[in-house]
PDB file of N, CA and C in Angstrom:
ATOM      1  N   UNK A   1       6.164 -12.112  28.335  1.00  0.00           N
ATOM      2  CA  UNK A   1       7.582 -11.835  28.912  1.00  0.00           C
ATOM      3  C   UNK A   1       8.264 -13.163  29.498  1.00  0.00           C
ATOM      4  N   UNK A   2       9.515 -13.325  28.795  1.00  0.00           N
ATOM      5  CA  UNK A   2      10.094 -14.684  29.034  1.00  0.00           C
ATOM      6  C   UNK A   2      10.969 -14.081  30.521  1.00  0.00           C
ATOM      7  N   UNK A   3      11.330 -15.353  31.229  1.00  0.00           N
ATOM      8  CA  UNK A   3      12.325 -15.313  32.391  1.00  0.00           C
ATOM      9  C   UNK A   3      13.750 -15.256  31.601  1.00  0.00           C
ATOM     10  N   UNK A   4      14.517 -14.471  32.443  1.00  0.00           N
ATOM     11  CA  UNK A   4      16.017 -14.091  31.974  1.00  0.00           C
ATOM     12  C   UNK A   4      16.572 -15.494  31.438  1.00  0.00           C
ATOM     13  N   UNK A   5      16.416 -16.483  32.257  1.00  0.00           N
ATOM     14  CA  UNK A   5      17.027 -17.608  31.975  1.00  0.00           C
ATOM     15  C   UNK A   5      16.469 -18.493  30.611  1.00  0.00           C
ATOM     16  N   UNK A   6      15.350 -17.998  30.231  1.00  0.00           N
ATOM     17  CA  UNK A   6      14.572 -18.639  28.937  1.00  0.00           C
ATOM     18  C   UNK A   6      14.827 -17.698  27.793  1.00  0.00           C
ATOM     19  N   UNK A   7      15.387 -16.621  27.959  1.00  0.00           N
ATOM     20  CA  UNK A   7      15.643 -15.426  26.896  1.00  0.00           C
ATOM     21  C   UNK A   7      17.049 -15.569  26.532  1.00  0.00           C
ATOM     22  N   UNK A   8      17.402 -15.389  25.256  1.00  0.00           N
ATOM     23  CA  UNK A   8      18.644 -15.260  24.698  1.00  0.00           C
ATOM     24  C   UNK A   8      19.284 -13.836  24.883  1.00  0.00           C
ATOM     25  N   UNK A   9      18.420 -12.949  24.660  1.00  0.00           N
ATOM     26  CA  UNK A   9      18.749 -11.636  24.818  1.00  0.00           C
ATOM     27  C   UNK A   9      17.521 -10.743  24.794  1.00  0.00           C
ATOM     28  N   UNK A  10      17.587  -9.456  25.407  1.00  0.00           N
ATOM     29  CA  UNK A  10      16.399  -8.567  25.511  1.00  0.00           C
ATOM     30  C   UNK A  10      16.855  -7.189  25.924  1.00  0.00           C
ATOM     31  N   UNK A  11      16.429  -6.105  25.127  1.00  0.00           N
ATOM     32  CA  UNK A  11      16.786  -4.660  25.310  1.00  0.00           C
ATOM     33  C   UNK A  11      15.516  -4.010  25.567  1.00  0.00           C
ATOM     34  N   UNK A  12      15.292  -3.599  26.620  1.00  0.00           N
ATOM     35  CA  UNK A  12      14.208  -2.707  27.224  1.00  0.00           C
ATOM     36  C   UNK A  12      14.631  -1.233  27.149  1.00  0.00           C
ATOM     37  N   UNK A  13      13.652  -0.425  26.803  1.00  0.00           N
ATOM     38  CA  UNK A  13      13.835   1.107  26.778  1.00  0.00           C
ATOM     39  C   UNK A  13      12.267   1.503  27.177  1.00  0.00           C
ATOM     40  N   UNK A  14      12.432   2.365  28.118  1.00  0.00           N
ATOM     41  CA  UNK A  14      11.168   3.174  28.861  1.00  0.00           C
ATOM     42  C   UNK A  14      11.276   4.496  28.472  1.00  0.00           C
ATOM     43  N   UNK A  15      10.562   4.829  27.743  1.00  0.00           N
ATOM     44  CA  UNK A  15      10.404   6.515  27.536  1.00  0.00           C
ATOM     45  C   UNK A  15      11.834   6.724  26.656  1.00  0.00           C
ATOM     46  N   UNK A  16      12.123   5.790  25.604  1.00  0.00           N
ATOM     47  CA  UNK A  16      13.419   6.150  25.130  1.00  0.00           C
ATOM     48  C   UNK A  16      14.814   5.824  25.864  1.00  0.00           C
ATOM     49  N   UNK A  17      15.001   5.461  27.131  1.00  0.00           N
ATOM     50  CA  UNK A  17      16.093   5.301  28.179  1.00  0.00           C
ATOM     51  C   UNK A  17      16.104   3.889  28.136  1.00  0.00           C
ATOM     52  N   UNK A  18      17.248   3.584  27.913  1.00  0.00           N
ATOM     53  CA  UNK A  18      17.892   2.186  28.293  1.00  0.00           C
ATOM     54  C   UNK A  18      17.481   1.487  29.643  1.00  0.00           C
ATOM     55  N   UNK A  19      16.981   0.320  29.731  1.00  0.00           N
ATOM     56  CA  UNK A  19      16.704   0.003  31.344  1.00  0.00           C
ATOM     57  C   UNK A  19      17.689  -1.270  31.548  1.00  0.00           C
ATOM     58  N   UNK A  20      18.572  -1.192  32.062  1.00  0.00           N
ATOM     59  CA  UNK A  20      19.604  -2.446  32.043  1.00  0.00           C
ATOM     60  C   UNK A  20      18.931  -3.453  33.347  1.00  0.00           C
ATOM     61  N   UNK A  21      18.060  -2.765  34.123  1.00  0.00           N
ATOM     62  CA  UNK A  21      17.400  -3.788  35.047  1.00  0.00           C
ATOM     63  C   UNK A  21      16.557  -4.859  34.552  1.00  0.00           C
ATOM     64  N   UNK A  22      15.883  -4.288  33.258  1.00  0.00           N
ATOM     65  CA  UNK A  22      15.037  -5.408  32.701  1.00  0.00           C
ATOM     66  C   UNK A  22      15.412  -5.894  31.298  1.00  0.00           C
ATOM     67  N   UNK A  23      16.576  -5.653  31.046  1.00  0.00           N
ATOM     68  CA  UNK A  23      17.433  -6.101  29.844  1.00  0.00           C
ATOM     69  C   UNK A  23      18.094  -7.202  30.211  1.00  0.00           C
ATOM     70  N   UNK A  24      18.497  -8.017  29.140  1.00  0.00           N
ATOM     71  CA  UNK A  24      19.639  -9.219  29.081  1.00  0.00           C
ATOM     72  C   UNK A  24      20.493  -9.013  28.227  1.00  0.00           C
ATOM     73  N   UNK A  25      21.489  -8.633  28.282  1.00  0.00           N
ATOM     74  CA  UNK A  25      22.569  -8.224  27.193  1.00  0.00           C
ATOM     75  C   UNK A  25      23.558  -9.515  27.076  1.00  0.00           C
ATOM     76  N   UNK A  26      24.101  -9.517  25.928  1.00  0.00           N
ATOM     77  CA  UNK A  26      25.137 -10.460  25.533  1.00  0.00           C
ATOM     78  C   UNK A  26      26.261  -9.994  24.884  1.00  0.00           C
ATOM     79  N   UNK A  27      27.364 -10.451  24.479  1.00  0.00           N
ATOM     80  CA  UNK A  27      28.326  -9.923  23.800  1.00  0.00           C
ATOM     81  C   UNK A  27      27.770  -9.496  22.313  1.00  0.00           C
ATOM     82  N   UNK A  28      26.739  -9.993  21.933  1.00  0.00           N
ATOM     83  CA  UNK A  28      26.318  -9.719  20.375  1.00  0.00           C
ATOM     84  C   UNK A  28      24.922  -8.660  20.533  1.00  0.00           C
ATOM     85  N   UNK A  29      24.543  -8.713  21.568  1.00  0.00           N
ATOM     86  CA  UNK A  29      23.107  -8.106  21.878  1.00  0.00           C
ATOM     87  C   UNK A  29      23.422  -7.279  23.174  1.00  0.00           C
ATOM     88  N   UNK A  30      23.511  -5.809  22.819  1.00  0.00           N
ATOM     89  CA  UNK A  30      23.728  -4.934  24.103  1.00  0.00           C
ATOM     90  C   UNK A  30      23.483  -3.417  23.464  1.00  0.00           C
ATOM     91  N   UNK A  31      23.071  -2.837  24.577  1.00  0.00           N
ATOM     92  CA  UNK A  31      22.703  -1.324  24.381  1.00  0.00           C
ATOM     93  C   UNK A  31      24.072  -0.572  23.924  1.00  0.00           C
ATOM     94  N   UNK A  32      24.061   0.378  22.785  1.00  0.00           N
ATOM     95  CA  UNK A  32      24.952   0.946  22.093  1.00  0.00           C
ATOM     96  C   UNK A  32      24.976   2.419  22.517  1.00  0.00           C
ATOM     97  N   UNK A  33      25.784   2.563  23.716  1.00  0.00           N
ATOM     98  CA  UNK A  33      25.845   4.095  24.083  1.00  0.00           C
ATOM     99  C   UNK A  33      27.040   4.718  23.091  1.00  0.00           C
ATOM    100  N   UNK A  34      27.302   6.158  23.655  1.00  0.00           N
ATOM    101  CA  UNK A  34      28.024   7.085  22.784  1.00  0.00           C
ATOM    102  C   UNK A  34      29.711   6.568  22.874  1.00  0.00           C
ATOM    103  N   UNK A  35      30.004   5.445  23.548  1.00  0.00           N
ATOM    104  CA  UNK A  35      31.450   4.938  23.661  1.00  0.00           C
ATOM    105  C   UNK A  35      31.604   4.242  22.504  1.00  0.00           C
ATOM    106  N   UNK A  36      30.513   3.434  21.966  1.00  0.00           N
ATOM    107  CA  UNK A  36      30.632   2.621  20.814  1.00  0.00           C
ATOM    108  C   UNK A  36      30.616   3.485  19.644  1.00  0.00           C
ATOM    109  N   UNK A  37      30.219   4.677  19.504  1.00  0.00           N
ATOM    110  CA  UNK A  37      30.639   5.326  18.323  1.00  0.00           C
ATOM    111  C   UNK A  37      31.763   5.995  18.029  1.00  0.00           C
ATOM    112  N   UNK A  38      32.831   6.344  19.355  1.00  0.00           N
ATOM    113  CA  UNK A  38      33.939   7.033  19.242  1.00  0.00           C
ATOM    114  C   UNK A  38      34.992   6.557  18.062  1.00  0.00           C
ATOM    115  N   UNK A  39      34.948   5.355  17.664  1.00  0.00           N
ATOM    116  CA  UNK A  39      35.881   4.995  16.835  1.00  0.00           C
ATOM    117  C   UNK A  39      35.203   4.312  15.497  1.00  0.00           C
ATOM    118  N   UNK A  40      33.850   4.582  15.387  1.00  0.00           N
ATOM    119  CA  UNK A  40      33.211   4.173  14.300  1.00  0.00           C
ATOM    120  C   UNK A  40      32.633   2.922  14.560  1.00  0.00           C
ATOM    121  N   UNK A  41      31.542   2.486  13.803  1.00  0.00           N
ATOM    122  CA  UNK A  41      31.005   0.920  14.008  1.00  0.00           C
ATOM    123  C   UNK A  41      31.332   0.267  12.929  1.00  0.00           C
ATOM    124  N   UNK A  42      31.526  -1.016  13.124  1.00  0.00           N
ATOM    125  CA  UNK A  42      31.879  -2.097  11.833  1.00  0.00           C
ATOM    126  C   UNK A  42      30.644  -1.872  10.903  1.00  0.00           C
ATOM    127  N   UNK A  43      31.196  -2.032   9.773  1.00  0.00           N
ATOM    128  CA  UNK A  43      30.315  -2.344   8.411  1.00  0.00           C
ATOM    129  C   UNK A  43      28.972  -3.137   8.839  1.00  0.00           C
ATOM    130  N   UNK A  44      29.284  -4.361   9.456  1.00  0.00           N
ATOM    131  CA  UNK A  44      28.282  -5.397   9.968  1.00  0.00           C
ATOM    132  C   UNK A  44      27.229  -4.782  10.535  1.00  0.00           C
ATOM    133  N   UNK A  45      27.517  -3.965  11.628  1.00  0.00           N
ATOM    134  CA  UNK A  45      26.683  -3.306  12.595  1.00  0.00           C
ATOM    135  C   UNK A  45      25.888  -2.519  11.972  1.00  0.00           C
ATOM    136  N   UNK A  46      26.422  -1.582  11.070  1.00  0.00           N
ATOM    137  CA  UNK A  46      25.764  -0.485  10.142  1.00  0.00           C
ATOM    138  C   UNK A  46      24.815  -1.179   9.387  1.00  0.00           C
ATOM    139  N   UNK A  47      24.997  -2.416   8.768  1.00  0.00           N
ATOM    140  CA  UNK A  47      24.125  -3.150   7.799  1.00  0.00           C
ATOM    141  C   UNK A  47      22.990  -3.773   8.765  1.00  0.00           C
ATOM    142  N   UNK A  48      23.120  -4.319  10.085  1.00  0.00           N
ATOM    143  CA  UNK A  48      21.992  -4.489  10.886  1.00  0.00           C
ATOM    144  C   UNK A  48      21.356  -3.493  11.070  1.00  0.00           C
ATOM    145  N   UNK A  49      21.787  -2.246  11.638  1.00  0.00           N
ATOM    146  CA  UNK A  49      21.001  -1.190  11.974  1.00  0.00           C
ATOM    147  C   UNK A  49      20.273  -0.667  10.772  1.00  0.00           C
ATOM    148  N   UNK A  50      20.593  -0.646   9.424  1.00  0.00           N
ATOM    149  CA  UNK A  50      20.042  -0.197   8.306  1.00  0.00           C
ATOM    150  C   UNK A  50      18.748  -0.962   8.004  1.00  0.00           C
ATOM    151  N   UNK A  51      18.475  -2.205   8.549  1.00  0.00           N
ATOM    152  CA  UNK A  51      17.557  -2.967   8.611  1.00  0.00           C
ATOM    153  C   UNK A  51      16.240  -2.443   9.454  1.00  0.00           C
ATOM    154  N   UNK A  52      16.489  -1.652  10.578  1.00  0.00           N
ATOM    155  CA  UNK A  52      15.490  -1.339  11.430  1.00  0.00           C
ATOM    156  C   UNK A  52      14.657  -0.050  10.871  1.00  0.00           C
ATOM    157  N   UNK A  53      13.269  -0.091  11.358  1.00  0.00           N
ATOM    158  CA  UNK A  53      12.611   1.334  10.523  1.00  0.00           C
ATOM    159  C   UNK A  53      13.141   2.307  11.689  1.00  0.00           C
ATOM    160  N   UNK A  54      13.312   3.647  11.130  1.00  0.00           N
ATOM    161  CA  UNK A  54      14.114   4.710  11.590  1.00  0.00           C
ATOM    162  C   UNK A  54      13.212   5.590  12.394  1.00  0.00           C
ATOM    163  N   UNK A  55      11.893   5.321  12.346  1.00  0.00           N
ATOM    164  CA  UNK A  55      10.755   6.011  13.240  1.00  0.00           C
ATOM    165  C   UNK A  55      10.209   7.167  12.100  1.00  0.00           C
ATOM    166  N   UNK A  56      10.592   7.411  10.818  1.00  0.00           N
ATOM    167  CA  UNK A  56      10.260   8.069   9.869  1.00  0.00           C
ATOM    168  C   UNK A  56       9.917   7.551   8.778  1.00  0.00           C
ATOM    169  N   UNK A  57      10.233   6.411   8.460  1.00  0.00           N
ATOM    170  CA  UNK A  57       9.753   5.318   7.158  1.00  0.00           C
ATOM    171  C   UNK A  57       9.964   4.076   7.764  1.00  0.00           C
ATOM    172  N   UNK A  58       8.899   3.223   7.058  1.00  0.00           N
ATOM    173  CA  UNK A  58       8.775   1.861   7.654  1.00  0.00           C
ATOM    174  C   UNK A  58       8.972   1.120   6.597  1.00  0.00           C
ATOM    175  N   UNK A  59       9.951   1.364   5.702  1.00  0.00           N
ATOM    176  CA  UNK A  59      10.277   0.103   4.522  1.00  0.00           C
ATOM    177  C   UNK A  59      10.738  -0.789   5.058  1.00  0.00           C
ATOM    178  N   UNK A  60      10.600  -1.947   4.763  1.00  0.00           N
ATOM    179  CA  UNK A  60      11.251  -3.380   5.309  1.00  0.00           C
ATOM    180  C   UNK A  60      12.483  -3.682   4.524  1.00  0.00           C
ATOM    181  N   UNK A  61      13.460  -4.478   5.253  1.00  0.00           N
ATOM    182  CA  UNK A  61      14.505  -4.572   4.653  1.00  0.00           C
ATOM    183  C   UNK A  61      14.372  -5.706   3.368  1.00  0.00           C
ATOM    184  N   UNK A  62      13.170  -6.284   3.345  1.00  0.00           N
ATOM    185  CA  UNK A  62      13.112  -7.282   2.278  1.00  0.00           C
ATOM    186  C   UNK A  62      11.433  -7.152   1.984  1.00  0.00           C
ATOM    187  N   UNK A  63      11.025  -7.519   1.061  1.00  0.00           N
ATOM    188  CA  UNK A  63       9.689  -7.677   0.579  1.00  0.00           C
ATOM    189  C   UNK A  63       9.145  -9.034   1.248  1.00  0.00           C
ATOM    190  N   UNK A  64       8.065  -8.941   1.950  1.00  0.00           N
ATOM    191  CA  UNK A  64       7.234 -10.079   2.411  1.00  0.00           C
ATOM    192  C   UNK A  64       6.043 -10.418   1.679  1.00  0.00           C
ATOM    193  N   UNK A  65       5.771 -11.701   1.185  1.00  0.00           N
ATOM    194  CA  UNK A  65       4.860 -12.081   0.369  1.00  0.00           C
ATOM    195  C   UNK A  65       3.772 -12.302   1.150  1.00  0.00           C
ATOM    196  N   UNK A  66       2.361 -11.918   0.905  1.00  0.00           N
ATOM    197  CA  UNK A  66       1.088 -11.832   1.473  1.00  0.00           C
ATOM    198  C   UNK A  66      -0.003 -12.362   0.627  1.00  0.00           C
ATOM    199  N   UNK A  67      -0.446 -13.661   0.666  1.00  0.00           N
ATOM    200  CA  UNK A  67      -1.284 -14.095  -0.352  1.00  0.00           C
ATOM    201  C   UNK A  67      -0.718 -13.881  -1.590  1.00  0.00           C
ATOM    202  N   UNK A  68      -1.705 -12.698  -2.266  1.00  0.00           N
ATOM    203  CA  UNK A  68      -1.360 -12.648  -3.845  1.00  0.00           C
ATOM    204  C   UNK A  68      -0.510 -11.169  -3.823  1.00  0.00           C
ATOM    205  N   UNK A  69      -0.178 -10.466  -2.492  1.00  0.00           N
ATOM    206  CA  UNK A  69       0.437  -9.087  -3.000  1.00  0.00           C
ATOM    207  C   UNK A  69       1.895  -9.358  -2.196  1.00  0.00           C
ATOM    208  N   UNK A  70       2.485  -8.310  -2.328  1.00  0.00           N
ATOM    209  CA  UNK A  70       3.769  -8.224  -1.756  1.00  0.00           C
ATOM    210  C   UNK A  70       3.892  -7.006  -0.701  1.00  0.00           C
ATOM    211  N   UNK A  71       4.153  -7.141   0.489  1.00  0.00           N
ATOM    212  CA  UNK A  71       4.270  -6.010   1.295  1.00  0.00           C
ATOM    213  C   UNK A  71       5.655  -5.547   1.575  1.00  0.00           C
ATOM    214  N   UNK A  72       5.924  -4.064   1.445  1.00  0.00           N
ATOM    215  CA  UNK A  72       7.156  -3.363   1.592  1.00  0.00           C
ATOM    216  C   UNK A  72       7.144  -2.688   3.046  1.00  0.00           C
ATOM    217  N   UNK A  73       5.953  -2.612   3.740  1.00  0.00           N
ATOM    218  CA  UNK A  73       5.640  -1.688   4.591  1.00  0.00           C
ATOM    219  C   UNK A  73       5.614  -2.314   6.289  1.00  0.00           C
ATOM    220  N   UNK A  74       6.273  -1.600   6.966  1.00  0.00           N
ATOM    221  CA  UNK A  74       6.351  -2.433   8.374  1.00  0.00           C
ATOM    222  C   UNK A  74       4.768  -2.381   9.064  1.00  0.00           C
ATOM    223  N   UNK A  75       4.162  -0.920   8.906  1.00  0.00           N
ATOM    224  CA  UNK A  75       2.723  -0.751   9.411  1.00  0.00           C
ATOM    225  C   UNK A  75       1.918  -1.935   8.693  1.00  0.00           C
ATOM    226  N   UNK A  76       2.115  -2.289   7.342  1.00  0.00           N
ATOM    227  CA  UNK A  76       1.034  -3.246   6.967  1.00  0.00           C
ATOM    228  C   UNK A  76       1.177  -4.551   7.513  1.00  0.00           C
ATOM    229  N   UNK A  77       2.177  -4.790   8.080  1.00  0.00           N
ATOM    230  CA  UNK A  77       2.399  -6.090   8.653  1.00  0.00           C
ATOM    231  C   UNK A  77       1.656  -6.233   9.886  1.00  0.00           C
ATOM    232  N   UNK A  78       1.448  -5.075  10.618  1.00  0.00           N
ATOM    233  CA  UNK A  78       0.751  -4.768  11.638  1.00  0.00           C
ATOM    234  C   UNK A  78      -0.648  -5.154  11.901  1.00  0.00           C
ATOM    235  N   UNK A  79      -1.086  -6.094  12.823  1.00  0.00           N
ATOM    236  CA  UNK A  79      -2.687  -6.788  13.162  1.00  0.00           C
ATOM    237  C   UNK A  79      -3.143  -5.367  13.877  1.00  0.00           C
ATOM    238  N   UNK A  80      -4.426  -5.693  13.793  1.00  0.00           N
ATOM    239  CA  UNK A  80      -5.178  -4.391  14.203  1.00  0.00           C
ATOM    240  C   UNK A  80      -4.822  -4.144  15.811  1.00  0.00           C
ATOM    241  N   UNK A  81      -4.573  -5.008  16.550  1.00  0.00           N
ATOM    242  CA  UNK A  81      -4.267  -4.734  17.850  1.00  0.00           C
ATOM    243  C   UNK A  81      -2.651  -4.439  18.300  1.00  0.00           C
ATOM    244  N   UNK A  82      -1.910  -4.296  17.161  1.00  0.00           N
ATOM    245  CA  UNK A  82      -0.367  -4.213  17.306  1.00  0.00           C
ATOM    246  C   UNK A  82      -0.133  -2.522  17.314  1.00  0.00           C
ATOM    247  N   UNK A  83      -1.124  -1.875  17.068  1.00  0.00           N
ATOM    248  CA  UNK A  83      -0.831  -0.347  17.167  1.00  0.00           C
ATOM    249  C   UNK A  83       0.583   0.101  16.487  1.00  0.00           C
ATOM    250  N   UNK A  84       0.977  -0.380  15.564  1.00  0.00           N
ATOM    251  CA  UNK A  84       1.983   0.203  15.134  1.00  0.00           C
ATOM    252  C   UNK A  84       1.719   1.416  14.177  1.00  0.00           C
ATOM    253  N   UNK A  85       0.792   1.187  13.422  1.00  0.00           N
ATOM    254  CA  UNK A  85       0.315   2.531  12.524  1.00  0.00           C
ATOM    255  C   UNK A  85       1.375   3.063  11.522  1.00  0.00           C
ATOM    256  N   UNK A  86       1.067   4.201  11.063  1.00  0.00           N
ATOM    257  CA  UNK A  86       1.997   4.912  10.398  1.00  0.00           C
ATOM    258  C   UNK A  86       3.346   5.509  10.959  1.00  0.00           C
ATOM    259  N   UNK A  87       4.383   5.303  10.356  1.00  0.00           N
ATOM    260  CA  UNK A  87       5.868   5.616  10.747  1.00  0.00           C
ATOM    261  C   UNK A  87       5.683   7.063  11.149  1.00  0.00           C
ATOM    262  N   UNK A  88       5.149   7.995  10.386  1.00  0.00           N
ATOM    263  CA  UNK A  88       5.082   9.414  10.612  1.00  0.00           C
ATOM    264  C   UNK A  88       4.229   9.995  11.661  1.00  0.00           C
ATOM    265  N   UNK A  89       3.240   8.999  12.015  1.00  0.00           N
ATOM    266  CA  UNK A  89       2.198   9.717  13.278  1.00  0.00           C
ATOM    267  C   UNK A  89       2.711   8.725  14.476  1.00  0.00           C
ATOM    268  N   UNK A  90       3.469   7.950  14.587  1.00  0.00           N
ATOM    269  CA  UNK A  90       3.694   6.736  15.585  1.00  0.00           C
ATOM    270  C   UNK A  90       5.131   6.215  15.494  1.00  0.00           C
ATOM    271  N   UNK A  91       5.896   6.472  16.170  1.00  0.00           N
ATOM    272  CA  UNK A  91       7.248   5.836  15.681  1.00  0.00           C
ATOM    273  C   UNK A  91       7.355   4.536  15.776  1.00  0.00           C
ATOM    274  N   UNK A  92       7.956   4.070  14.301  1.00  0.00           N
ATOM    275  CA  UNK A  92       7.776   2.540  13.748  1.00  0.00           C
ATOM    276  C   UNK A  92       8.671   1.785  14.817  1.00  0.00           C
ATOM    277  N   UNK A  93       9.930   2.464  15.219  1.00  0.00           N
ATOM    278  CA  UNK A  93      10.689   1.648  16.094  1.00  0.00           C
ATOM    279  C   UNK A  93      10.116   1.576  17.415  1.00  0.00           C
ATOM    280  N   UNK A  94       8.841   1.803  17.963  1.00  0.00           N
ATOM    281  CA  UNK A  94       8.787   1.666  19.324  1.00  0.00           C
ATOM    282  C   UNK A  94       7.847   0.380  19.236  1.00  0.00           C
ATOM    283  N   UNK A  95       8.444  -0.736  18.872  1.00  0.00           N
ATOM    284  CA  UNK A  95       7.408  -2.007  19.011  1.00  0.00           C
ATOM    285  C   UNK A  95       8.481  -2.997  19.082  1.00  0.00           C
ATOM    286  N   UNK A  96       8.250  -4.398  19.066  1.00  0.00           N
ATOM    287  CA  UNK A  96       8.812  -5.465  19.106  1.00  0.00           C
ATOM    288  C   UNK A  96       9.655  -5.659  17.775  1.00  0.00           C
ATOM    289  N   UNK A  97      10.804  -6.070  17.754  1.00  0.00           N
ATOM    290  CA  UNK A  97      11.895  -6.198  16.668  1.00  0.00           C
ATOM    291  C   UNK A  97      12.386  -7.653  16.664  1.00  0.00           C
ATOM    292  N   UNK A  98      11.855  -8.753  16.102  1.00  0.00           N
ATOM    293  CA  UNK A  98      12.189  -9.990  16.055  1.00  0.00           C
ATOM    294  C   UNK A  98      11.655 -10.867  16.843  1.00  0.00           C
TER     295      UNK A  98
END
């Protein structure tokens, strides 16, 4: 855990709810609430959101070379102690991204 002044940005969710007390928001990194969706989202934002696992599929935004094979699954990037697992048995979005 980095101190706030050492961290460029941090979004923290506890049991699926945004926790502003533990988060560090910027103009570019912030929690999106319903007010952000009223007028629609910019195409750039939608492109970035499309890169994240959705909780039901863990397909990576790009292939990742790993020795002699190419990985396309977020769960396959997980080390044994990271507990990411399969996206359909444990929400893939419930982990650190970035």
